[in-house]
């Protein structure tokens, strides 16, 4: 065995982050295709894609640090940027969809819009 135990564990950690990130990105893609309305599609694309991209970038960061002793500030900034901007943009898209009158999907057709009720009470 040419590497140390620490290098082996770090390589396993990189593999785990890359596989988990890939799983989340693929599940986000499937969710965007399969879910019926904009609100559930936003949920799938935001939550899963944010975790997926972050996982892949964390795996890349660990790989660069272990293999080449590079601390990539660009990857750290990318992770922070994705974690901060993706949920905010999805919130704004969802709010815009609600303001133009797109109703949430429900199987029986009876949806209760609590946000609209709260706005009426003000």
N, C-alpha and C. Protein backbone atom coordinates (compact mmCIF):
# COMPACT_ATOMS: atom_id res chain seq x y z
N UNK A 1 0.84 -1.17 0.00
CA UNK A 1 0.00 0.00 0.00
C UNK A 1 0.89 1.24 0.00
N UNK A 2 0.70 2.11 -0.97
CA UNK A 2 1.60 3.25 -1.11
C UNK A 2 1.16 4.46 -0.30
N UNK A 3 -0.10 4.63 -0.03
CA UNK A 3 -0.58 5.80 0.69
C UNK A 3 -0.76 5.51 2.16
N UNK A 4 -0.95 6.58 2.89
CA UNK A 4 -1.19 6.43 4.31
C UNK A 4 -2.68 6.22 4.57
N UNK A 5 -2.99 5.88 5.79
CA UNK A 5 -4.38 5.67 6.17
C UNK A 5 -5.17 6.96 6.07
N UNK A 6 -4.55 8.07 6.39
CA UNK A 6 -5.23 9.36 6.31
C UNK A 6 -5.60 9.70 4.87
N UNK A 7 -4.68 9.44 3.94
CA UNK A 7 -4.98 9.69 2.53
C UNK A 7 -6.11 8.79 2.04
N UNK A 8 -6.12 7.55 2.50
CA UNK A 8 -7.19 6.62 2.13
C UNK A 8 -8.54 7.11 2.64
N UNK A 9 -8.58 7.54 3.89
CA UNK A 9 -9.82 8.05 4.47
C UNK A 9 -10.28 9.32 3.75
N UNK A 10 -9.36 10.20 3.43
CA UNK A 10 -9.71 11.43 2.71
C UNK A 10 -10.24 11.11 1.31
N UNK A 11 -9.64 10.12 0.64
CA UNK A 11 -10.14 9.72 -0.67
C UNK A 11 -11.55 9.14 -0.57
N UNK A 12 -11.81 8.36 0.46
CA UNK A 12 -13.16 7.84 0.69
C UNK A 12 -14.13 9.00 0.94
N UNK A 13 -13.70 9.98 1.71
CA UNK A 13 -14.53 11.15 2.00
C UNK A 13 -14.85 11.93 0.72
N UNK A 14 -13.87 12.09 -0.15
CA UNK A 14 -14.08 12.76 -1.43
C UNK A 14 -15.10 11.98 -2.26
N UNK A 15 -14.94 10.67 -2.31
CA UNK A 15 -15.88 9.83 -3.07
C UNK A 15 -17.29 9.96 -2.52
N UNK A 16 -17.43 9.95 -1.20
CA UNK A 16 -18.76 10.07 -0.57
C UNK A 16 -19.40 11.41 -0.93
N UNK A 17 -18.65 12.50 -0.83
CA UNK A 17 -19.21 13.81 -1.17
C UNK A 17 -19.60 13.88 -2.65
N UNK A 18 -18.76 13.34 -3.53
CA UNK A 18 -19.08 13.39 -4.96
C UNK A 18 -20.30 12.54 -5.30
N UNK A 19 -20.40 11.36 -4.71
CA UNK A 19 -21.55 10.51 -4.99
C UNK A 19 -22.82 11.11 -4.40
N UNK A 20 -22.74 11.63 -3.18
CA UNK A 20 -23.92 12.27 -2.57
C UNK A 20 -24.35 13.49 -3.37
N UNK A 21 -23.40 14.29 -3.79
CA UNK A 21 -23.72 15.47 -4.60
C UNK A 21 -24.35 15.10 -5.93
N UNK A 22 -23.82 14.07 -6.56
CA UNK A 22 -24.38 13.60 -7.83
C UNK A 22 -25.80 13.08 -7.63
N UNK A 23 -26.02 12.34 -6.53
CA UNK A 23 -27.37 11.84 -6.23
C UNK A 23 -28.35 12.99 -6.07
N UNK A 24 -27.97 14.02 -5.35
CA UNK A 24 -28.87 15.15 -5.14
C UNK A 24 -29.14 15.90 -6.44
N UNK A 25 -28.14 16.06 -7.29
CA UNK A 25 -28.35 16.76 -8.56
C UNK A 25 -29.29 15.95 -9.46
N UNK A 26 -29.08 14.64 -9.51
CA UNK A 26 -29.96 13.79 -10.33
C UNK A 26 -31.38 13.80 -9.77
N UNK A 27 -31.52 13.72 -8.45
CA UNK A 27 -32.87 13.74 -7.87
C UNK A 27 -33.55 15.09 -8.10
N UNK A 28 -32.78 16.18 -8.12
CA UNK A 28 -33.37 17.49 -8.43
C UNK A 28 -33.85 17.52 -9.87
N UNK A 29 -33.09 16.94 -10.77
CA UNK A 29 -33.50 16.91 -12.18
C UNK A 29 -34.78 16.10 -12.36
N UNK A 30 -34.86 14.97 -11.70
CA UNK A 30 -36.07 14.15 -11.78
C UNK A 30 -37.25 14.88 -11.15
N UNK A 31 -37.02 15.56 -10.03
CA UNK A 31 -38.09 16.31 -9.37
C UNK A 31 -38.64 17.43 -10.23
N UNK A 32 -37.78 18.12 -10.94
CA UNK A 32 -38.23 19.22 -11.81
C UNK A 32 -39.09 18.66 -12.95
N UNK A 33 -38.75 17.49 -13.43
CA UNK A 33 -39.53 16.89 -14.52
C UNK A 33 -40.84 16.31 -14.01
N UNK A 34 -40.83 15.67 -12.85
CA UNK A 34 -41.98 14.90 -12.39
C UNK A 34 -43.01 15.69 -11.58
N UNK A 35 -42.61 16.71 -10.85
CA UNK A 35 -43.55 17.40 -9.97
C UNK A 35 -44.52 18.26 -10.77
N UNK A 36 -45.75 18.45 -10.26
CA UNK A 36 -46.82 19.03 -11.08
C UNK A 36 -46.87 20.55 -11.17
N UNK A 37 -46.41 21.28 -10.16
CA UNK A 37 -46.58 22.74 -10.23
C UNK A 37 -45.27 23.44 -9.88
N UNK A 38 -45.31 24.76 -10.00
CA UNK A 38 -44.09 25.54 -9.83
C UNK A 38 -43.55 25.47 -8.41
N UNK A 39 -44.41 25.37 -7.43
CA UNK A 39 -43.96 25.39 -6.04
C UNK A 39 -43.20 24.11 -5.68
N UNK A 40 -43.71 22.97 -6.10
CA UNK A 40 -43.00 21.72 -5.82
C UNK A 40 -41.75 21.60 -6.67
N UNK A 41 -41.80 22.12 -7.88
CA UNK A 41 -40.60 22.10 -8.72
C UNK A 41 -39.50 23.00 -8.14
N UNK A 42 -39.91 24.15 -7.62
CA UNK A 42 -38.93 25.02 -6.97
C UNK A 42 -38.31 24.35 -5.76
N UNK A 43 -39.13 23.64 -5.01
CA UNK A 43 -38.62 22.92 -3.84
C UNK A 43 -37.57 21.89 -4.26
N UNK A 44 -37.89 21.13 -5.29
CA UNK A 44 -36.95 20.10 -5.75
C UNK A 44 -35.67 20.72 -6.29
N UNK A 45 -35.82 21.73 -7.11
CA UNK A 45 -34.62 22.31 -7.72
C UNK A 45 -33.76 23.05 -6.72
N UNK A 46 -34.36 23.71 -5.76
CA UNK A 46 -33.58 24.49 -4.81
C UNK A 46 -32.90 23.63 -3.77
N UNK A 47 -33.67 22.82 -3.08
CA UNK A 47 -33.11 22.03 -1.98
C UNK A 47 -32.08 21.03 -2.49
N UNK A 48 -32.50 20.20 -3.44
CA UNK A 48 -31.62 19.12 -3.89
C UNK A 48 -30.42 19.65 -4.68
N UNK A 49 -30.66 20.61 -5.55
CA UNK A 49 -29.54 21.12 -6.33
C UNK A 49 -28.54 21.87 -5.47
N UNK A 50 -29.01 22.59 -4.47
CA UNK A 50 -28.10 23.30 -3.56
C UNK A 50 -27.23 22.30 -2.81
N UNK A 51 -27.85 21.26 -2.28
CA UNK A 51 -27.06 20.23 -1.58
C UNK A 51 -26.14 19.51 -2.55
N UNK A 52 -26.60 19.23 -3.75
CA UNK A 52 -25.79 18.51 -4.73
C UNK A 52 -24.57 19.30 -5.18
N UNK A 53 -24.78 20.53 -5.55
CA UNK A 53 -23.66 21.36 -6.00
C UNK A 53 -22.69 21.61 -4.86
N UNK A 54 -23.22 21.83 -3.67
CA UNK A 54 -22.34 22.04 -2.51
C UNK A 54 -21.53 20.77 -2.21
N UNK A 55 -22.17 19.61 -2.29
CA UNK A 55 -21.45 18.36 -2.05
C UNK A 55 -20.34 18.13 -3.05
N UNK A 56 -20.62 18.40 -4.32
CA UNK A 56 -19.59 18.23 -5.35
C UNK A 56 -18.45 19.22 -5.14
N UNK A 57 -18.78 20.45 -4.79
CA UNK A 57 -17.73 21.44 -4.57
C UNK A 57 -16.92 21.14 -3.31
N UNK A 58 -17.56 20.63 -2.26
CA UNK A 58 -16.81 20.23 -1.06
C UNK A 58 -15.88 19.07 -1.37
N UNK A 59 -16.37 18.10 -2.16
CA UNK A 59 -15.52 16.99 -2.58
C UNK A 59 -14.32 17.46 -3.39
N UNK A 60 -14.54 18.42 -4.29
CA UNK A 60 -13.44 18.97 -5.07
C UNK A 60 -12.45 19.73 -4.19
N UNK A 61 -12.97 20.45 -3.21
CA UNK A 61 -12.11 21.19 -2.29
C UNK A 61 -11.22 20.23 -1.49
N UNK A 62 -11.81 19.18 -0.96
CA UNK A 62 -11.03 18.20 -0.18
C UNK A 62 -10.00 17.52 -1.07
N UNK A 63 -10.38 17.18 -2.29
CA UNK A 63 -9.44 16.55 -3.21
C UNK A 63 -8.25 17.46 -3.49
N UNK A 64 -8.51 18.72 -3.80
CA UNK A 64 -7.41 19.64 -4.08
C UNK A 64 -6.51 19.83 -2.87
N UNK A 65 -7.11 19.85 -1.69
CA UNK A 65 -6.32 20.02 -0.48
C UNK A 65 -5.45 18.80 -0.19
N UNK A 66 -6.02 17.62 -0.35
CA UNK A 66 -5.28 16.39 -0.02
C UNK A 66 -4.23 16.07 -1.08
N UNK A 67 -4.60 16.15 -2.34
CA UNK A 67 -3.69 15.72 -3.41
C UNK A 67 -2.65 16.78 -3.79
N UNK A 68 -3.03 18.05 -3.77
CA UNK A 68 -2.14 19.09 -4.27
C UNK A 68 -1.81 20.16 -3.24
N UNK A 69 -2.32 20.03 -2.01
CA UNK A 69 -2.12 21.00 -0.93
C UNK A 69 -2.52 22.41 -1.35
N UNK A 70 -3.64 22.49 -2.06
CA UNK A 70 -4.19 23.77 -2.51
C UNK A 70 -5.45 24.07 -1.71
N UNK A 71 -5.49 25.24 -1.09
CA UNK A 71 -6.71 25.70 -0.44
C UNK A 71 -7.38 26.66 -1.41
N UNK A 72 -8.45 26.21 -2.05
CA UNK A 72 -9.09 26.97 -3.11
C UNK A 72 -10.12 27.93 -2.53
N UNK A 73 -9.79 29.20 -2.56
CA UNK A 73 -10.72 30.22 -2.11
C UNK A 73 -11.92 30.34 -3.03
N UNK A 74 -11.70 30.05 -4.32
CA UNK A 74 -12.80 30.12 -5.28
C UNK A 74 -13.86 29.07 -4.97
N UNK A 75 -13.46 27.88 -4.59
CA UNK A 75 -14.43 26.85 -4.23
C UNK A 75 -15.18 27.22 -2.96
N UNK A 76 -14.48 27.76 -1.99
CA UNK A 76 -15.14 28.18 -0.75
C UNK A 76 -16.15 29.28 -1.04
N UNK A 77 -15.77 30.27 -1.84
CA UNK A 77 -16.70 31.34 -2.20
C UNK A 77 -17.87 30.81 -3.03
N UNK A 78 -17.61 29.84 -3.90
CA UNK A 78 -18.68 29.23 -4.69
C UNK A 78 -19.69 28.52 -3.81
N UNK A 79 -19.21 27.79 -2.82
CA UNK A 79 -20.09 27.08 -1.90
C UNK A 79 -20.95 28.08 -1.12
N UNK A 80 -20.32 29.11 -0.60
CA UNK A 80 -21.05 30.12 0.16
C UNK A 80 -22.08 30.82 -0.73
N UNK A 81 -21.67 31.15 -1.96
CA UNK A 81 -22.56 31.83 -2.90
C UNK A 81 -23.79 30.98 -3.21
N UNK A 82 -23.59 29.71 -3.49
CA UNK A 82 -24.72 28.80 -3.79
C UNK A 82 -25.64 28.67 -2.58
N UNK A 83 -25.05 28.49 -1.40
CA UNK A 83 -25.87 28.31 -0.20
C UNK A 83 -26.68 29.56 0.15
N UNK A 84 -26.18 30.72 -0.22
CA UNK A 84 -26.91 31.96 0.10
C UNK A 84 -27.90 32.37 -0.98
N UNK A 85 -27.55 32.19 -2.24
CA UNK A 85 -28.38 32.75 -3.30
C UNK A 85 -29.47 31.82 -3.80
N UNK A 86 -29.26 30.52 -3.81
CA UNK A 86 -30.27 29.61 -4.36
C UNK A 86 -31.58 29.65 -3.57
N UNK A 87 -31.57 29.56 -2.25
CA UNK A 87 -32.85 29.65 -1.54
C UNK A 87 -33.54 31.01 -1.68
N UNK A 88 -32.77 32.07 -1.72
CA UNK A 88 -33.37 33.40 -1.85
C UNK A 88 -34.01 33.56 -3.23
N UNK A 89 -33.33 33.10 -4.27
CA UNK A 89 -33.91 33.22 -5.61
C UNK A 89 -35.16 32.36 -5.75
N UNK A 90 -35.15 31.16 -5.18
CA UNK A 90 -36.34 30.31 -5.25
C UNK A 90 -37.51 30.95 -4.49
N UNK A 91 -37.21 31.57 -3.36
CA UNK A 91 -38.26 32.26 -2.61
C UNK A 91 -38.87 33.38 -3.44
N UNK A 92 -38.04 34.14 -4.09
CA UNK A 92 -38.54 35.26 -4.89
C UNK A 92 -39.33 34.77 -6.10
N UNK A 93 -38.90 33.68 -6.73
CA UNK A 93 -39.65 33.13 -7.85
C UNK A 93 -41.01 32.61 -7.37
N UNK A 94 -41.02 31.92 -6.23
CA UNK A 94 -42.28 31.42 -5.68
C UNK A 94 -43.22 32.55 -5.30
N UNK A 95 -42.67 33.59 -4.75
CA UNK A 95 -43.50 34.74 -4.37
C UNK A 95 -44.07 35.44 -5.60
N UNK A 96 -43.25 35.54 -6.65
CA UNK A 96 -43.73 36.15 -7.90
C UNK A 96 -44.82 35.28 -8.53
N UNK A 97 -44.66 33.97 -8.47
CA UNK A 97 -45.69 33.08 -9.00
C UNK A 97 -46.99 33.23 -8.22
N UNK A 98 -46.88 33.37 -6.92
CA UNK A 98 -48.09 33.55 -6.11
C UNK A 98 -48.76 34.89 -6.39
N UNK A 99 -47.96 35.91 -6.60
CA UNK A 99 -48.53 37.25 -6.81
C UNK A 99 -49.24 37.37 -8.16
N UNK A 100 -48.86 36.56 -9.14
CA UNK A 100 -49.58 36.61 -10.42
C UNK A 100 -50.74 35.63 -10.47
N UNK A 101 -50.94 34.89 -9.36
CA UNK A 101 -52.15 34.09 -9.25
C UNK A 101 -52.02 32.61 -9.52
N UNK A 102 -50.82 32.08 -9.57
CA UNK A 102 -50.66 30.65 -9.79
C UNK A 102 -50.99 29.93 -8.49
N UNK A 103 -51.96 29.02 -8.57
CA UNK A 103 -52.42 28.29 -7.39
C UNK A 103 -51.59 27.02 -7.20
N UNK A 104 -51.36 26.63 -5.95
CA UNK A 104 -50.67 25.36 -5.70
C UNK A 104 -51.51 24.18 -6.17
N UNK A 105 -50.85 23.14 -6.62
CA UNK A 105 -51.54 21.94 -7.10
C UNK A 105 -51.96 21.10 -5.91
N UNK A 106 -53.14 20.48 -6.02
CA UNK A 106 -53.55 19.49 -5.05
C UNK A 106 -54.32 18.40 -5.80
N UNK A 107 -54.26 17.21 -5.27
CA UNK A 107 -54.85 16.08 -5.94
C UNK A 107 -56.38 16.18 -6.02
N UNK A 108 -56.99 16.71 -4.97
CA UNK A 108 -58.44 16.82 -4.97
C UNK A 108 -58.95 18.18 -5.47
N UNK A 109 -58.05 19.08 -5.76
CA UNK A 109 -58.44 20.39 -6.26
C UNK A 109 -58.79 21.41 -5.19
N UNK A 110 -58.78 21.01 -3.95
CA UNK A 110 -59.08 21.93 -2.84
C UNK A 110 -57.79 22.36 -2.17
N UNK A 111 -57.36 23.56 -2.46
CA UNK A 111 -56.16 24.07 -1.83
C UNK A 111 -56.52 25.23 -0.92
N UNK A 112 -55.87 25.30 0.20
CA UNK A 112 -56.06 26.41 1.12
C UNK A 112 -54.82 27.29 1.03
N UNK A 113 -55.02 28.51 0.60
CA UNK A 113 -53.91 29.45 0.43
C UNK A 113 -53.78 30.29 1.70
N UNK A 114 -52.96 29.83 2.62
CA UNK A 114 -52.81 30.52 3.90
C UNK A 114 -52.09 31.87 3.74
N UNK A 115 -51.21 31.96 2.76
CA UNK A 115 -50.52 33.23 2.56
C UNK A 115 -51.49 34.32 2.07
N UNK A 116 -52.38 33.96 1.16
CA UNK A 116 -53.37 34.93 0.68
C UNK A 116 -54.33 35.31 1.80
N UNK A 117 -54.69 34.34 2.64
CA UNK A 117 -55.56 34.65 3.78
C UNK A 117 -54.88 35.60 4.76
N UNK A 118 -53.60 35.40 4.97
CA UNK A 118 -52.85 36.28 5.88
C UNK A 118 -52.75 37.70 5.30
N UNK A 119 -52.61 37.80 3.99
CA UNK A 119 -52.55 39.13 3.37
C UNK A 119 -53.88 39.86 3.46
N UNK A 120 -54.99 39.09 3.36
CA UNK A 120 -56.32 39.70 3.46
C UNK A 120 -56.60 40.22 4.86
N UNK A 121 -56.06 39.53 5.86
CA UNK A 121 -56.30 39.91 7.26
C UNK A 121 -55.57 41.19 7.64
N UNK A 122 -54.57 41.58 6.90
CA UNK A 122 -53.80 42.78 7.26
C UNK A 122 -54.55 44.04 7.04
